[in-house]
Every structure is written in C-alpha cells, then in structure tokens.
Amino acid sequence: MPENFEANIATADALTLLLHNQHALAAAIEEITQWLSEYGLGDVAGNAIAAMEVLDANAQDIANAIMRIRQS
C-alpha cells in the first residue's frame, strides 16, 4: 500500500507541474492575443482565444484529476 501511495503522490506532483505549465502557456497566449487585437489581426486573435478556451477547460479537468489522485 505505501508503494501505491508514493506513486499517487509522484503522479499528482507531475500533473501539478503540467498544470502550472498550462497556466503559463495560457497567460502567454493571452498576452499575444491582446497584441494581435491591437494590431487589427482579429481573426488570428480569435484563434488564440479559442486555444485559451481549450487550455482553460482542460486545466479544470486536470485539477480535478489531481484532487482525486491526492485523495486516494
């Protein structure tokens, strides 16, 4: 049982790092989207916004998975 517990901790820790990376990517895309909008590239900015929406949706699912792993 302790071996499984340690594996769960390692998995949750790795997922947490990936989640932090995902948040950083979303922040970078948001900055680029603002810049694109300012320079009249609305179509490209719209694509970036769609990418951010996917990151946001997946981030919530990853956060939920992390909580389930940490509680097991």
PDB file of N, CA and C in Angstrom:
ATOM      1  N   MET A   1       0.809  -1.203   0.000  1.00  0.00           N
ATOM      2  CA  MET A   1       0.000   0.000   0.000  1.00  0.00           C
ATOM      3  C   MET A   1       0.855   1.271   0.000  1.00  0.00           C
ATOM      4  N   PRO A   2       1.918   1.366   0.801  1.00  0.00           N
ATOM      5  CA  PRO A   2       2.730   2.581   0.772  1.00  0.00           C
ATOM      6  C   PRO A   2       3.320   2.849  -0.604  1.00  0.00           C
ATOM      7  N   GLU A   3       3.659   1.795  -1.348  1.00  0.00           N
ATOM      8  CA  GLU A   3       4.225   1.976  -2.680  1.00  0.00           C
ATOM      9  C   GLU A   3       3.216   2.659  -3.603  1.00  0.00           C
ATOM     10  N   ASN A   4       1.961   2.264  -3.536  1.00  0.00           N
ATOM     11  CA  ASN A   4       0.910   2.876  -4.330  1.00  0.00           C
ATOM     12  C   ASN A   4       0.700   4.324  -3.903  1.00  0.00           C
ATOM     13  N   PHE A   5       0.764   4.584  -2.617  1.00  0.00           N
ATOM     14  CA  PHE A   5       0.612   5.940  -2.094  1.00  0.00           C
ATOM     15  C   PHE A   5       1.709   6.843  -2.651  1.00  0.00           C
ATOM     16  N   GLU A   6       2.943   6.345  -2.664  1.00  0.00           N
ATOM     17  CA  GLU A   6       4.059   7.128  -3.190  1.00  0.00           C
ATOM     18  C   GLU A   6       3.908   7.375  -4.693  1.00  0.00           C
ATOM     19  N   ALA A   7       3.398   6.397  -5.400  1.00  0.00           N
ATOM     20  CA  ALA A   7       3.156   6.563  -6.830  1.00  0.00           C
ATOM     21  C   ALA A   7       2.083   7.607  -7.080  1.00  0.00           C
ATOM     22  N   ASN A   8       1.052   7.595  -6.242  1.00  0.00           N
ATOM     23  CA  ASN A   8      -0.002   8.605  -6.373  1.00  0.00           C
ATOM     24  C   ASN A   8       0.539  10.007  -6.124  1.00  0.00           C
ATOM     25  N   ILE A   9       1.390  10.142  -5.132  1.00  0.00           N
ATOM     26  CA  ILE A   9       1.989  11.449  -4.839  1.00  0.00           C
ATOM     27  C   ILE A   9       2.834  11.913  -6.017  1.00  0.00           C
ATOM     28  N   ALA A  10       3.651  11.017  -6.556  1.00  0.00           N
ATOM     29  CA  ALA A  10       4.503  11.365  -7.698  1.00  0.00           C
ATOM     30  C   ALA A  10       3.656  11.752  -8.911  1.00  0.00           C
ATOM     31  N   THR A  11       2.592  11.010  -9.154  1.00  0.00           N
ATOM     32  CA  THR A  11       1.707  11.311 -10.280  1.00  0.00           C
ATOM     33  C   THR A  11       1.035  12.664 -10.085  1.00  0.00           C
ATOM     34  N   ALA A  12       0.509  12.911  -8.907  1.00  0.00           N
ATOM     35  CA  ALA A  12      -0.149  14.185  -8.622  1.00  0.00           C
ATOM     36  C   ALA A  12       0.835  15.342  -8.737  1.00  0.00           C
ATOM     37  N   ASP A  13       2.061  15.143  -8.250  1.00  0.00           N
ATOM     38  CA  ASP A  13       3.075  16.194  -8.350  1.00  0.00           C
ATOM     39  C   ASP A  13       3.404  16.499  -9.809  1.00  0.00           C
ATOM     40  N   ALA A  14       3.540  15.462 -10.622  1.00  0.00           N
ATOM     41  CA  ALA A  14       3.838  15.657 -12.043  1.00  0.00           C
ATOM     42  C   ALA A  14       2.688  16.377 -12.745  1.00  0.00           C
ATOM     43  N   LEU A  15       1.469  15.965 -12.444  1.00  0.00           N
ATOM     44  CA  LEU A  15       0.310  16.636 -13.040  1.00  0.00           C
ATOM     45  C   LEU A  15       0.220  18.089 -12.596  1.00  0.00           C
ATOM     46  N   THR A  16       0.589  18.360 -11.356  1.00  0.00           N
ATOM     47  CA  THR A  16       0.571  19.737 -10.859  1.00  0.00           C
ATOM     48  C   THR A  16       1.555  20.596 -11.646  1.00  0.00           C
ATOM     49  N   LEU A  17       2.729  20.065 -11.920  1.00  0.00           N
ATOM     50  CA  LEU A  17       3.705  20.806 -12.722  1.00  0.00           C
ATOM     51  C   LEU A  17       3.189  21.055 -14.137  1.00  0.00           C
ATOM     52  N   LEU A  18       2.556  20.050 -14.718  1.00  0.00           N
ATOM     53  CA  LEU A  18       1.968  20.231 -16.045  1.00  0.00           C
ATOM     54  C   LEU A  18       0.859  21.282 -16.016  1.00  0.00           C
ATOM     55  N   LEU A  19       0.093  21.295 -14.957  1.00  0.00           N
ATOM     56  CA  LEU A  19      -0.968  22.291 -14.819  1.00  0.00           C
ATOM     57  C   LEU A  19      -0.376  23.698 -14.721  1.00  0.00           C
ATOM     58  N   HIS A  20       0.721  23.842 -13.979  1.00  0.00           N
ATOM     59  CA  HIS A  20       1.393  25.148 -13.894  1.00  0.00           C
ATOM     60  C   HIS A  20       1.895  25.574 -15.280  1.00  0.00           C
ATOM     61  N   ASN A  21       2.442  24.625 -16.028  1.00  0.00           N
ATOM     62  CA  ASN A  21       2.878  24.939 -17.393  1.00  0.00           C
ATOM     63  C   ASN A  21       1.701  25.375 -18.255  1.00  0.00           C
ATOM     64  N   GLN A  22       0.582  24.715 -18.080  1.00  0.00           N
ATOM     65  CA  GLN A  22      -0.607  25.051 -18.853  1.00  0.00           C
ATOM     66  C   GLN A  22      -1.077  26.465 -18.535  1.00  0.00           C
ATOM     67  N   HIS A  23      -1.042  26.839 -17.268  1.00  0.00           N
ATOM     68  CA  HIS A  23      -1.424  28.198 -16.888  1.00  0.00           C
ATOM     69  C   HIS A  23      -0.456  29.224 -17.482  1.00  0.00           C
ATOM     70  N   ALA A  24       0.830  28.888 -17.499  1.00  0.00           N
ATOM     71  CA  ALA A  24       1.825  29.801 -18.077  1.00  0.00           C
ATOM     72  C   ALA A  24       1.595  29.970 -19.581  1.00  0.00           C
ATOM     73  N   LEU A  25       1.296  28.874 -20.269  1.00  0.00           N
ATOM     74  CA  LEU A  25       1.007  28.961 -21.700  1.00  0.00           C
ATOM     75  C   LEU A  25      -0.238  29.801 -21.968  1.00  0.00           C
ATOM     76  N   ALA A  26      -1.254  29.617 -21.156  1.00  0.00           N
ATOM     77  CA  ALA A  26      -2.473  30.408 -21.314  1.00  0.00           C
ATOM     78  C   ALA A  26      -2.190  31.894 -21.117  1.00  0.00           C
ATOM     79  N   ALA A  27      -1.369  32.224 -20.137  1.00  0.00           N
ATOM     80  CA  ALA A  27      -1.022  33.624 -19.896  1.00  0.00           C
ATOM     81  C   ALA A  27      -0.253  34.204 -21.083  1.00  0.00           C
ATOM     82  N   ALA A  28       0.667  33.425 -21.640  1.00  0.00           N
ATOM     83  CA  ALA A  28       1.428  33.883 -22.798  1.00  0.00           C
ATOM     84  C   ALA A  28       0.513  34.086 -24.009  1.00  0.00           C
ATOM     85  N   ILE A  29      -0.390  33.148 -24.227  1.00  0.00           N
ATOM     86  CA  ILE A  29      -1.332  33.274 -25.345  1.00  0.00           C
ATOM     87  C   ILE A  29      -2.218  34.496 -25.154  1.00  0.00           C
ATOM     88  N   GLU A  30      -2.612  34.751 -23.919  1.00  0.00           N
ATOM     89  CA  GLU A  30      -3.439  35.926 -23.644  1.00  0.00           C
ATOM     90  C   GLU A  30      -2.700  37.211 -23.995  1.00  0.00           C
ATOM     91  N   GLU A  31      -1.430  37.298 -23.627  1.00  0.00           N
ATOM     92  CA  GLU A  31      -0.627  38.476 -23.963  1.00  0.00           C
ATOM     93  C   GLU A  31      -0.525  38.645 -25.479  1.00  0.00           C
ATOM     94  N   ILE A  32      -0.261  37.559 -26.179  1.00  0.00           N
ATOM     95  CA  ILE A  32      -0.150  37.618 -27.635  1.00  0.00           C
ATOM     96  C   ILE A  32      -1.488  38.005 -28.257  1.00  0.00           C
ATOM     97  N   THR A  33      -2.571  37.481 -27.706  1.00  0.00           N
ATOM     98  CA  THR A  33      -3.905  37.802 -28.212  1.00  0.00           C
ATOM     99  C   THR A  33      -4.190  39.288 -28.091  1.00  0.00           C
ATOM    100  N   GLN A  34      -3.829  39.874 -26.964  1.00  0.00           N
ATOM    101  CA  GLN A  34      -4.029  41.318 -26.789  1.00  0.00           C
ATOM    102  C   GLN A  34      -3.234  42.106 -27.827  1.00  0.00           C
ATOM    103  N   TRP A  35      -2.002  41.692 -28.048  1.00  0.00           N
ATOM    104  CA  TRP A  35      -1.150  42.360 -29.021  1.00  0.00           C
ATOM    105  C   TRP A  35      -1.738  42.236 -30.426  1.00  0.00           C
ATOM    106  N   LEU A  36      -2.194  41.034 -30.781  1.00  0.00           N
ATOM    107  CA  LEU A  36      -2.786  40.813 -32.097  1.00  0.00           C
ATOM    108  C   LEU A  36      -4.030  41.671 -32.288  1.00  0.00           C
ATOM    109  N   SER A  37      -4.840  41.773 -31.254  1.00  0.00           N
ATOM    110  CA  SER A  37      -6.059  42.582 -31.339  1.00  0.00           C
ATOM    111  C   SER A  37      -5.733  44.054 -31.552  1.00  0.00           C
ATOM    112  N   GLU A  38      -4.705  44.532 -30.874  1.00  0.00           N
ATOM    113  CA  GLU A  38      -4.306  45.934 -31.008  1.00  0.00           C
ATOM    114  C   GLU A  38      -3.831  46.261 -32.422  1.00  0.00           C
ATOM    115  N   TYR A  39      -3.266  45.280 -33.107  1.00  0.00           N
ATOM    116  CA  TYR A  39      -2.744  45.498 -34.455  1.00  0.00           C
ATOM    117  C   TYR A  39      -3.709  45.036 -35.541  1.00  0.00           C
ATOM    118  N   GLY A  40      -4.970  44.861 -35.180  1.00  0.00           N
ATOM    119  CA  GLY A  40      -6.002  44.584 -36.163  1.00  0.00           C
ATOM    120  C   GLY A  40      -5.997  43.187 -36.742  1.00  0.00           C
ATOM    121  N   LEU A  41      -5.428  42.251 -36.060  1.00  0.00           N
ATOM    122  CA  LEU A  41      -5.407  40.872 -36.533  1.00  0.00           C
ATOM    123  C   LEU A  41      -6.455  40.059 -35.777  1.00  0.00           C
ATOM    124  N   GLY A  42      -7.690  40.485 -35.922  1.00  0.00           N
ATOM    125  CA  GLY A  42      -8.785  39.888 -35.168  1.00  0.00           C
ATOM    126  C   GLY A  42      -8.990  38.414 -35.420  1.00  0.00           C
ATOM    127  N   ASP A  43      -8.820  37.968 -36.674  1.00  0.00           N
ATOM    128  CA  ASP A  43      -9.008  36.544 -36.976  1.00  0.00           C
ATOM    129  C   ASP A  43      -7.986  35.687 -36.237  1.00  0.00           C
ATOM    130  N   VAL A  44      -6.742  36.135 -36.249  1.00  0.00           N
ATOM    131  CA  VAL A  44      -5.684  35.389 -35.560  1.00  0.00           C
ATOM    132  C   VAL A  44      -5.922  35.444 -34.052  1.00  0.00           C
ATOM    133  N   ALA A  45      -6.331  36.598 -33.570  1.00  0.00           N
ATOM    134  CA  ALA A  45      -6.630  36.728 -32.140  1.00  0.00           C
ATOM    135  C   ALA A  45      -7.770  35.797 -31.748  1.00  0.00           C
ATOM    136  N   GLY A  46      -8.756  35.665 -32.600  1.00  0.00           N
ATOM    137  CA  GLY A  46      -9.868  34.754 -32.331  1.00  0.00           C
ATOM    138  C   GLY A  46      -9.407  33.320 -32.217  1.00  0.00           C
ATOM    139  N   ASN A  47      -8.476  32.926 -33.062  1.00  0.00           N
ATOM    140  CA  ASN A  47      -7.917  31.568 -32.975  1.00  0.00           C
ATOM    141  C   ASN A  47      -7.174  31.378 -31.659  1.00  0.00           C
ATOM    142  N   ALA A  48      -6.454  32.402 -31.237  1.00  0.00           N
ATOM    143  CA  ALA A  48      -5.725  32.316 -29.973  1.00  0.00           C
ATOM    144  C   ALA A  48      -6.699  32.219 -28.799  1.00  0.00           C
ATOM    145  N   ILE A  49      -7.790  32.941 -28.873  1.00  0.00           N
ATOM    146  CA  ILE A  49      -8.804  32.875 -27.814  1.00  0.00           C
ATOM    147  C   ILE A  49      -9.398  31.469 -27.749  1.00  0.00           C
ATOM    148  N   ALA A  50      -9.641  30.873 -28.899  1.00  0.00           N
ATOM    149  CA  ALA A  50     -10.165  29.500 -28.922  1.00  0.00           C
ATOM    150  C   ALA A  50      -9.170  28.540 -28.272  1.00  0.00           C
ATOM    151  N   ALA A  51      -7.890  28.740 -28.523  1.00  0.00           N
ATOM    152  CA  ALA A  51      -6.870  27.891 -27.899  1.00  0.00           C
ATOM    153  C   ALA A  51      -6.873  28.072 -26.387  1.00  0.00           C
ATOM    154  N   MET A  52      -7.034  29.315 -25.930  1.00  0.00           N
ATOM    155  CA  MET A  52      -7.083  29.569 -24.483  1.00  0.00           C
ATOM    156  C   MET A  52      -8.289  28.898 -23.848  1.00  0.00           C
ATOM    157  N   GLU A  53      -9.414  28.881 -24.548  1.00  0.00           N
ATOM    158  CA  GLU A  53     -10.603  28.231 -24.004  1.00  0.00           C
ATOM    159  C   GLU A  53     -10.364  26.728 -23.812  1.00  0.00           C
ATOM    160  N   VAL A  54      -9.658  26.114 -24.739  1.00  0.00           N
ATOM    161  CA  VAL A  54      -9.327  24.691 -24.602  1.00  0.00           C
ATOM    162  C   VAL A  54      -8.404  24.484 -23.402  1.00  0.00           C
ATOM    163  N   LEU A  55      -7.392  25.342 -23.278  1.00  0.00           N
ATOM    164  CA  LEU A  55      -6.482  25.244 -22.131  1.00  0.00           C
ATOM    165  C   LEU A  55      -7.244  25.386 -20.819  1.00  0.00           C
ATOM    166  N   ASP A  56      -8.161  26.350 -20.765  1.00  0.00           N
ATOM    167  CA  ASP A  56      -8.935  26.552 -19.542  1.00  0.00           C
ATOM    168  C   ASP A  56      -9.793  25.335 -19.204  1.00  0.00           C
ATOM    169  N   ALA A  57     -10.467  24.789 -20.202  1.00  0.00           N
ATOM    170  CA  ALA A  57     -11.324  23.625 -19.960  1.00  0.00           C
ATOM    171  C   ALA A  57     -10.490  22.433 -19.497  1.00  0.00           C
ATOM    172  N   ASN A  58      -9.374  22.215 -20.140  1.00  0.00           N
ATOM    173  CA  ASN A  58      -8.525  21.088 -19.756  1.00  0.00           C
ATOM    174  C   ASN A  58      -7.871  21.309 -18.402  1.00  0.00           C
ATOM    175  N   ALA A  59      -7.556  22.546 -18.075  1.00  0.00           N
ATOM    176  CA  ALA A  59      -6.943  22.838 -16.773  1.00  0.00           C
ATOM    177  C   ALA A  59      -7.876  22.424 -15.644  1.00  0.00           C
ATOM    178  N   GLN A  60      -9.156  22.670 -15.801  1.00  0.00           N
ATOM    179  CA  GLN A  60     -10.105  22.283 -14.751  1.00  0.00           C
ATOM    180  C   GLN A  60     -10.162  20.776 -14.604  1.00  0.00           C
ATOM    181  N   ASP A  61     -10.160  20.059 -15.724  1.00  0.00           N
ATOM    182  CA  ASP A  61     -10.176  18.595 -15.663  1.00  0.00           C
ATOM    183  C   ASP A  61      -8.900  18.055 -15.028  1.00  0.00           C
ATOM    184  N   ILE A  62      -7.767  18.667 -15.344  1.00  0.00           N
ATOM    185  CA  ILE A  62      -6.504  18.239 -14.735  1.00  0.00           C
ATOM    186  C   ILE A  62      -6.530  18.505 -13.238  1.00  0.00           C
ATOM    187  N   ALA A  63      -7.019  19.671 -12.838  1.00  0.00           N
ATOM    188  CA  ALA A  63      -7.108  19.998 -11.412  1.00  0.00           C
ATOM    189  C   ALA A  63      -8.001  18.991 -10.678  1.00  0.00           C
ATOM    190  N   ASN A  64      -9.108  18.618 -11.298  1.00  0.00           N
ATOM    191  CA  ASN A  64      -9.999  17.622 -10.691  1.00  0.00           C
ATOM    192  C   ASN A  64      -9.300  16.267 -10.563  1.00  0.00           C
ATOM    193  N   ALA A  65      -8.550  15.873 -11.588  1.00  0.00           N
ATOM    194  CA  ALA A  65      -7.827  14.602 -11.536  1.00  0.00           C
ATOM    195  C   ALA A  65      -6.772  14.620 -10.438  1.00  0.00           C
ATOM    196  N   ILE A  66      -6.083  15.741 -10.297  1.00  0.00           N
ATOM    197  CA  ILE A  66      -5.076  15.867  -9.245  1.00  0.00           C
ATOM    198  C   ILE A  66      -5.721  15.677  -7.870  1.00  0.00           C
ATOM    199  N   MET A  67      -6.862  16.289  -7.675  1.00  0.00           N
ATOM    200  CA  MET A  67      -7.544  16.169  -6.375  1.00  0.00           C
ATOM    201  C   MET A  67      -7.964  14.726  -6.118  1.00  0.00           C
ATOM    202  N   ARG A  68      -8.465  14.037  -7.143  1.00  0.00           N
ATOM    203  CA  ARG A  68      -8.874  12.634  -6.965  1.00  0.00           C
ATOM    204  C   ARG A  68      -7.676  11.761  -6.624  1.00  0.00           C
ATOM    205  N   ILE A  69      -6.549  12.004  -7.286  1.00  0.00           N
ATOM    206  CA  ILE A  69      -5.347  11.217  -7.010  1.00  0.00           C
ATOM    207  C   ILE A  69      -4.851  11.497  -5.596  1.00  0.00           C
ATOM    208  N   ARG A  70      -4.826  12.754  -5.193  1.00  0.00           N
ATOM    209  CA  ARG A  70      -4.324  13.103  -3.850  1.00  0.00           C
ATOM    210  C   ARG A  70      -5.233  12.550  -2.754  1.00  0.00           C
ATOM    211  N   GLN A  71      -6.533  12.374  -3.046  1.00  0.00           N
ATOM    212  CA  GLN A  71      -7.447  11.863  -2.045  1.00  0.00           C
ATOM    213  C   GLN A  71      -7.443  10.338  -1.966  1.00  0.00           C
ATOM    214  N   SER A  72      -6.822   9.687  -2.960  1.00  0.00           N
ATOM    215  CA  SER A  72      -6.833   8.218  -2.947  1.00  0.00           C
ATOM    216  C   SER A  72      -5.664   7.664  -2.130  1.00  0.00           C
TER     217      SER A  72
END
